[in-house]
Structure formats: structure tokens, C-alpha cells
C-alpha atoms as a PDB file:
ATOM      1  CA  MET A   1    -115.265  20.212 -65.444  1.00  0.00           C
ATOM      2  CA  LEU A   2    -112.025  20.587 -66.866  1.00  0.00           C
ATOM      3  CA  SER A   3    -113.201  23.698 -68.635  1.00  0.00           C
ATOM      4  CA  TRP A   4    -114.843  25.215 -65.445  1.00  0.00           C
ATOM      5  CA  LEU A   5    -111.037  24.672 -63.618  1.00  0.00           C
ATOM      6  CA  SER A   6    -109.557  26.059 -66.348  1.00  0.00           C
ATOM      7  CA  GLY A   7    -111.630  28.792 -66.618  1.00  0.00           C
ATOM      8  CA  ARG A   8    -111.069  29.409 -63.040  1.00  0.00           C
ATOM      9  CA  VAL A   9    -107.371  29.622 -62.771  1.00  0.00           C
ATOM     10  CA  THR A  10    -106.945  31.909 -66.265  1.00  0.00           C
ATOM     11  CA  ALA A  11    -109.413  34.555 -63.957  1.00  0.00           C
ATOM     12  CA  ALA A  12    -106.974  34.135 -61.096  1.00  0.00           C
ATOM     13  CA  ILE A  13    -103.894  34.697 -62.800  1.00  0.00           C
ATOM     14  CA  ALA A  14    -105.652  37.564 -64.506  1.00  0.00           C
ATOM     15  CA  LEU A  15    -106.634  39.056 -61.106  1.00  0.00           C
ATOM     16  CA  MET A  16    -102.838  38.933 -59.961  1.00  0.00           C
ATOM     17  CA  VAL A  17    -101.425  40.049 -63.229  1.00  0.00           C
ATOM     18  CA  ALA A  18    -103.766  43.185 -62.870  1.00  0.00           C
ATOM     19  CA  ALA A  19    -103.093  43.581 -59.349  1.00  0.00           C
ATOM     20  CA  TRP A  20     -98.862  43.510 -60.160  1.00  0.00           C
ATOM     21  CA  GLY A  21    -100.163  46.071 -63.176  1.00  0.00           C
ATOM     22  CA  ILE A  22    -101.919  48.526 -60.684  1.00  0.00           C
ATOM     23  CA  GLY A  23     -98.898  48.341 -58.192  1.00  0.00           C
ATOM     24  CA  GLY A  24     -96.146  49.233 -60.794  1.00  0.00           C
ATOM     25  CA  VAL A  25     -98.217  52.160 -62.133  1.00  0.00           C
ATOM     26  CA  PRO A  26     -96.208  55.609 -60.492  1.00  0.00           C
ATOM     27  CA  GLY A  27     -98.636  57.758 -58.246  1.00  0.00           C
ATOM     28  CA  SER A  28    -100.776  54.589 -57.621  1.00  0.00           C
ATOM     29  CA  SER A  29    -102.478  54.649 -54.420  1.00  0.00           C
ATOM     30  CA  VAL A  30    -102.099  51.028 -53.670  1.00  0.00           C
ATOM     31  CA  ARG A  31     -98.283  51.703 -53.491  1.00  0.00           C
ATOM     32  CA  SER A  32     -98.663  54.591 -51.190  1.00  0.00           C
ATOM     33  CA  TRP A  33     -99.600  52.266 -47.737  1.00  0.00           C
ATOM     34  CA  ILE A  34     -95.711  50.315 -48.191  1.00  0.00           C
ATOM     35  CA  PRO A  35     -93.157  51.463 -46.583  1.00  0.00           C
ATOM     36  CA  PRO A  36     -90.156  52.716 -48.666  1.00  0.00           C
ATOM     37  CA  VAL A  37     -87.605  49.652 -48.169  1.00  0.00           C
ATOM     38  CA  GLY A  38     -83.862  50.981 -47.736  1.00  0.00           C
ATOM     39  CA  GLY A  39     -84.713  54.107 -45.411  1.00  0.00           C
ATOM     40  CA  HIS A  40     -86.319  56.485 -47.957  1.00  0.00           C
ATOM     41  CA  GLY A  41     -87.473  59.664 -46.550  1.00  0.00           C
ATOM     42  CA  ALA A  42     -86.442  61.870 -43.260  1.00  0.00           C
ATOM     43  CA  VAL A  43     -85.977  60.109 -40.126  1.00  0.00           C
ATOM     44  CA  ARG A  44     -88.893  60.488 -37.507  1.00  0.00           C
ATOM     45  CA  ILE A  45     -89.549  59.479 -34.000  1.00  0.00           C
ATOM     46  CA  LEU A  46     -93.001  58.304 -34.388  1.00  0.00           C
ATOM     47  CA  ARG A  47     -93.376  57.521 -30.350  1.00  0.00           C
ATOM     48  CA  PHE A  48     -91.608  57.573 -27.085  1.00  0.00           C
ATOM     49  CA  TYR A  49     -93.074  57.638 -23.789  1.00  0.00           C
ATOM     50  CA  ALA A  50     -93.415  55.301 -20.543  1.00  0.00           C
ATOM     51  CA  THR A  51     -96.780  53.568 -19.229  1.00  0.00           C
ATOM     52  CA  THR A  52     -96.979  56.021 -16.742  1.00  0.00           C
ATOM     53  CA  GLY A  53     -96.061  58.950 -15.831  1.00  0.00           C
ATOM     54  CA  SER A  54     -94.656  58.271 -12.305  1.00  0.00           C
ATOM     55  CA  LEU A  55     -94.182  55.061 -10.110  1.00  0.00           C
ATOM     56  CA  MET A  56     -92.951  54.050  -6.859  1.00  0.00           C
ATOM     57  CA  ARG A  57     -89.198  53.086  -6.304  1.00  0.00           C
ATOM     58  CA  GLY A  58     -89.252  49.262  -7.212  1.00  0.00           C
ATOM     59  CA  ASP A  59     -92.349  49.150  -9.588  1.00  0.00           C
ATOM     60  CA  LYS A  60     -91.802  48.721 -13.223  1.00  0.00           C
ATOM     61  CA  ALA A  61     -92.980  50.531 -15.819  1.00  0.00           C
ATOM     62  CA  GLN A  62     -92.760  50.224 -19.733  1.00  0.00           C
ATOM     63  CA  LEU A  63     -90.469  52.603 -21.686  1.00  0.00           C
ATOM     64  CA  CYS A  64     -91.925  52.529 -25.887  1.00  0.00           C
ATOM     65  CA  TYR A  65     -90.579  53.821 -28.836  1.00  0.00           C
ATOM     66  CA  GLY A  66     -91.206  53.837 -32.477  1.00  0.00           C
ATOM     67  CA  VAL A  67     -89.539  55.263 -35.246  1.00  0.00           C
ATOM     68  CA  ALA A  68     -89.360  55.533 -38.966  1.00  0.00           C
ATOM     69  CA  ASN A  69     -86.542  55.699 -41.674  1.00  0.00           C
ATOM     70  CA  ALA A  70     -83.721  55.244 -39.232  1.00  0.00           C
ATOM     71  CA  LYS A  71     -80.428  53.595 -39.365  1.00  0.00           C
ATOM     72  CA  SER A  72     -79.871  53.140 -35.457  1.00  0.00           C
ATOM     73  CA  VAL A  73     -81.602  54.008 -32.259  1.00  0.00           C
ATOM     74  CA  ARG A  74     -80.249  54.483 -29.003  1.00  0.00           C
ATOM     75  CA  ILE A  75     -81.784  55.373 -25.769  1.00  0.00           C
ATOM     76  CA  SER A  76     -80.231  56.499 -22.560  1.00  0.00           C
ATOM     77  CA  PRO A  77     -79.583  56.154 -19.961  1.00  0.00           C
ATOM     78  CA  SER A  78     -78.530  53.013 -21.570  1.00  0.00           C
ATOM     79  CA  LEU A  79     -80.760  50.093 -21.647  1.00  0.00           C
ATOM     80  CA  GLU A  80     -80.822  46.804 -23.230  1.00  0.00           C
ATOM     81  CA  PRO A  81     -79.439  46.772 -26.945  1.00  0.00           C
ATOM     82  CA  VAL A  82     -82.087  48.695 -29.193  1.00  0.00           C
ATOM     83  CA  ALA A  83     -82.701  48.454 -32.585  1.00  0.00           C
ATOM     84  CA  PRO A  84     -85.056  50.381 -35.065  1.00  0.00           C
ATOM     85  CA  ALA A  85     -88.997  49.564 -35.012  1.00  0.00           C
ATOM     86  CA  VAL A  86     -92.274  51.041 -35.233  1.00  0.00           C
ATOM     87  CA  ASN A  87     -93.640  50.012 -32.003  1.00  0.00           C
ATOM     88  CA  ARG A  88     -91.275  48.146 -29.318  1.00  0.00           C
ATOM     89  CA  CYS A  89     -91.692  48.692 -25.252  1.00  0.00           C
ATOM     90  CA  LEU A  90     -88.806  47.721 -22.716  1.00  0.00           C
ATOM     91  CA  ASP A  91     -89.364  47.082 -18.985  1.00  0.00           C
ATOM     92  CA  ILE A  92     -87.734  49.430 -17.158  1.00  0.00           C
ATOM     93  CA  VAL A  93     -87.328  49.320 -12.922  1.00  0.00           C
ATOM     94  CA  PRO A  94     -85.763  52.873 -12.465  1.00  0.00           C
ATOM     95  CA  GLU A  95     -84.387  53.622  -8.913  1.00  0.00           C
ATOM     96  CA  HIS A  96     -84.814  57.209  -9.148  1.00  0.00           C
ATOM     97  CA  THR A  97     -86.691  60.068 -11.218  1.00  0.00           C
ATOM     98  CA  THR A  98     -84.997  59.701 -14.889  1.00  0.00           C
ATOM     99  CA  HIS A  99     -84.877  61.525 -17.928  1.00  0.00           C
ATOM    100  CA  TYR A 100     -84.677  59.469 -20.790  1.00  0.00           C
ATOM    101  CA  THR A 101     -83.643  60.354 -24.221  1.00  0.00           C
ATOM    102  CA  ILE A 102     -84.313  58.594 -27.502  1.00  0.00           C
ATOM    103  CA  LEU A 103     -81.612  59.375 -30.505  1.00  0.00           C
ATOM    104  CA  ALA A 104     -82.133  57.731 -33.819  1.00  0.00           C
ATOM    105  CA  GLU A 105     -80.276  58.125 -37.323  1.00  0.00           C
ATOM    106  CA  GLY A 106     -81.484  58.526 -40.547  1.00  0.00           C
ATOM    107  CA  PHE A 107     -79.803  56.853 -43.514  1.00  0.00           C
ATOM    108  CA  ASP A 108     -79.250  60.544 -44.824  1.00  0.00           C
ATOM    109  CA  GLY A 109     -77.004  61.060 -41.762  1.00  0.00           C
ATOM    110  CA  ASN A 110     -79.726  63.437 -39.748  1.00  0.00           C
ATOM    111  CA  VAL A 111     -80.604  62.915 -36.309  1.00  0.00           C
ATOM    112  CA  VAL A 112     -83.503  63.340 -34.337  1.00  0.00           C
ATOM    113  CA  THR A 113     -84.184  62.891 -30.461  1.00  0.00           C
ATOM    114  CA  ARG A 114     -86.612  63.308 -27.987  1.00  0.00           C
ATOM    115  CA  VAL A 115     -86.520  63.778 -24.134  1.00  0.00           C
ATOM    116  CA  ILE A 116     -89.365  62.321 -21.313  1.00  0.00           C
ATOM    117  CA  THR A 117     -89.277  62.276 -17.829  1.00  0.00           C
ATOM    118  CA  LEU A 118     -90.655  59.640 -15.588  1.00  0.00           C
ATOM    119  CA  VAL A 119     -90.491  60.210 -12.006  1.00  0.00           C
ATOM    120  CA  VAL A 120     -90.174  57.935  -9.345  1.00  0.00           C
ATOM    121  CA  GLU A 121     -91.572  58.722  -5.876  1.00  0.00           C
ATOM    122  CA  THR A 122     -90.363  57.218  -2.592  1.00  0.00           C
ATOM    123  CA  ALA A 123     -92.955  55.668  -0.054  1.00  0.00           C
ATOM    124  CA  PRO A 124     -94.091  57.683   2.499  1.00  0.00           C
ATOM    125  CA  GLN A 125     -92.901  56.754   6.006  1.00  0.00           C
ATOM    126  CA  PRO A 126     -95.791  55.035   8.021  1.00  0.00           C
ATOM    127  CA  ARG A 127     -96.608  57.242  10.804  1.00  0.00           C
ATOM    128  CA  ARG A 128     -96.691  56.074  14.163  1.00  0.00           C
ATOM    129  CA  PRO A 129    -100.215  56.695  15.651  1.00  0.00           C
ATOM    130  CA  ASN A 130    -100.279  58.439  18.497  1.00  0.00           C
ATOM    131  CA  MET A 131    -101.633  56.053  21.108  1.00  0.00           C
ATOM    132  CA  ASN A 132    -104.647  56.778  23.663  1.00  0.00           C
ATOM    133  CA  VAL A 133    -105.835  54.421  25.859  1.00  0.00           C
ATOM    134  CA  ALA A 134    -109.428  56.211  26.239  1.00  0.00           C
ATOM    135  CA  VAL A 135    -109.815  57.058  22.743  1.00  0.00           C
ATOM    136  CA  GLY A 136    -112.644  54.720  22.614  1.00  0.00           C
ATOM    137  CA  LEU A 137    -114.328  55.432  26.292  1.00  0.00           C
ATOM    138  CA  ARG A 138    -117.026  57.697  26.628  1.00  0.00           C
ATOM    139  CA  LEU A 139    -116.761  59.644  29.336  1.00  0.00           C
ATOM    140  CA  GLY A 140    -119.579  59.507  31.862  1.00  0.00           C
ATOM    141  CA  SER A 141    -120.029  55.634  30.777  1.00  0.00           C
ATOM    142  CA  SER A 142    -120.285  52.921  33.194  1.00  0.00           C
ATOM    143  CA  PHE A 143    -118.281  50.461  30.893  1.00  0.00           C
ATOM    144  CA  GLY A 144    -115.781  48.309  33.601  1.00  0.00           C
ATOM    145  CA  ALA A 145    -117.788  49.354  36.368  1.00  0.00           C
ATOM    146  CA  ARG A 146    -120.426  47.816  38.216  1.00  0.00           C
ATOM    147  CA  GLN A 147    -123.911  49.893  38.256  1.00  0.00           C
ATOM    148  CA  ARG A 148    -125.511  49.873  41.515  1.00  0.00           C
ATOM    149  CA  THR A 149    -128.798  49.165  42.351  1.00  0.00           C
ATOM    150  CA  SER A 150    -130.721  50.772  45.323  1.00  0.00           C
END
């Protein structure tokens, strides 16, 4: 039994060493999915959108963003403090139509921006109905009158 367990442990260690070795080979496809650490590459805005194109005044929406290789991120008009993230959403309740701008600065000093507009509509004023008492009555009807019998 001990030899069986020893063989399993040896196989597991060999597999881990092989996987580690593949990751260390330059140009290996295994490394391609691992994001670079330290902000290598150009700064990019991956996404910047609102969860709706328009809303009624007082309603809530979300403003979502994602950046890559960014040292810092700012959104104006100024919202709660934001930080570089691949995917983050913030709750917003704009009072009027607003143009939101995201600015991401890369580790190399380059800056990228993107702008979106969120339309805020005011609720339509309720229309006063025309009051016409005779609306539901048909002409020539005996509604409300006694019928004569001869």
C-alpha cells in the first residue's frame, strides 16, 4: 500500500513540475491567458456603458466600466471614488441628461477617454380629462326616464 501511495505522490509531483516548466517556456500558449502584472501594454477602455439609454427623473441606473493596464481611472461628473477594474458598475441617479466621461491613464503616461450620454426624461404632465357628463348616454335612450305604457 505504501508503494502505491508513493507512486501517486511521485506522479503528482512530476505533473506539477511539468506544468511549471511549460509556463516558463517563452512563447508558450499557457502564458497567453495570464494577464501581465505591473501594467505592461497599452492602456485600454474595455467597456463603458449605462444599463439603459434613457430613464425618468428620479430613476436609478448603473454606469459600468472596465479598463486594462490602467494606473488610474476618473469618471466625470465626479462619482464615488473609482479604481482600475476589469468590470465594475456604479449606481447613478442623474437629475438631468448627463454626458459621462471616463479617463484612464496607463503606466506609460498615455491617456484614453470615452464619452456616453444618458438621457433623463421628465414625467409627462397628466392630462385633465374633458368633463362631459353625457358621454355615456345614447341619444334617444330612455335611460333614467319612465317608459309609457298605453
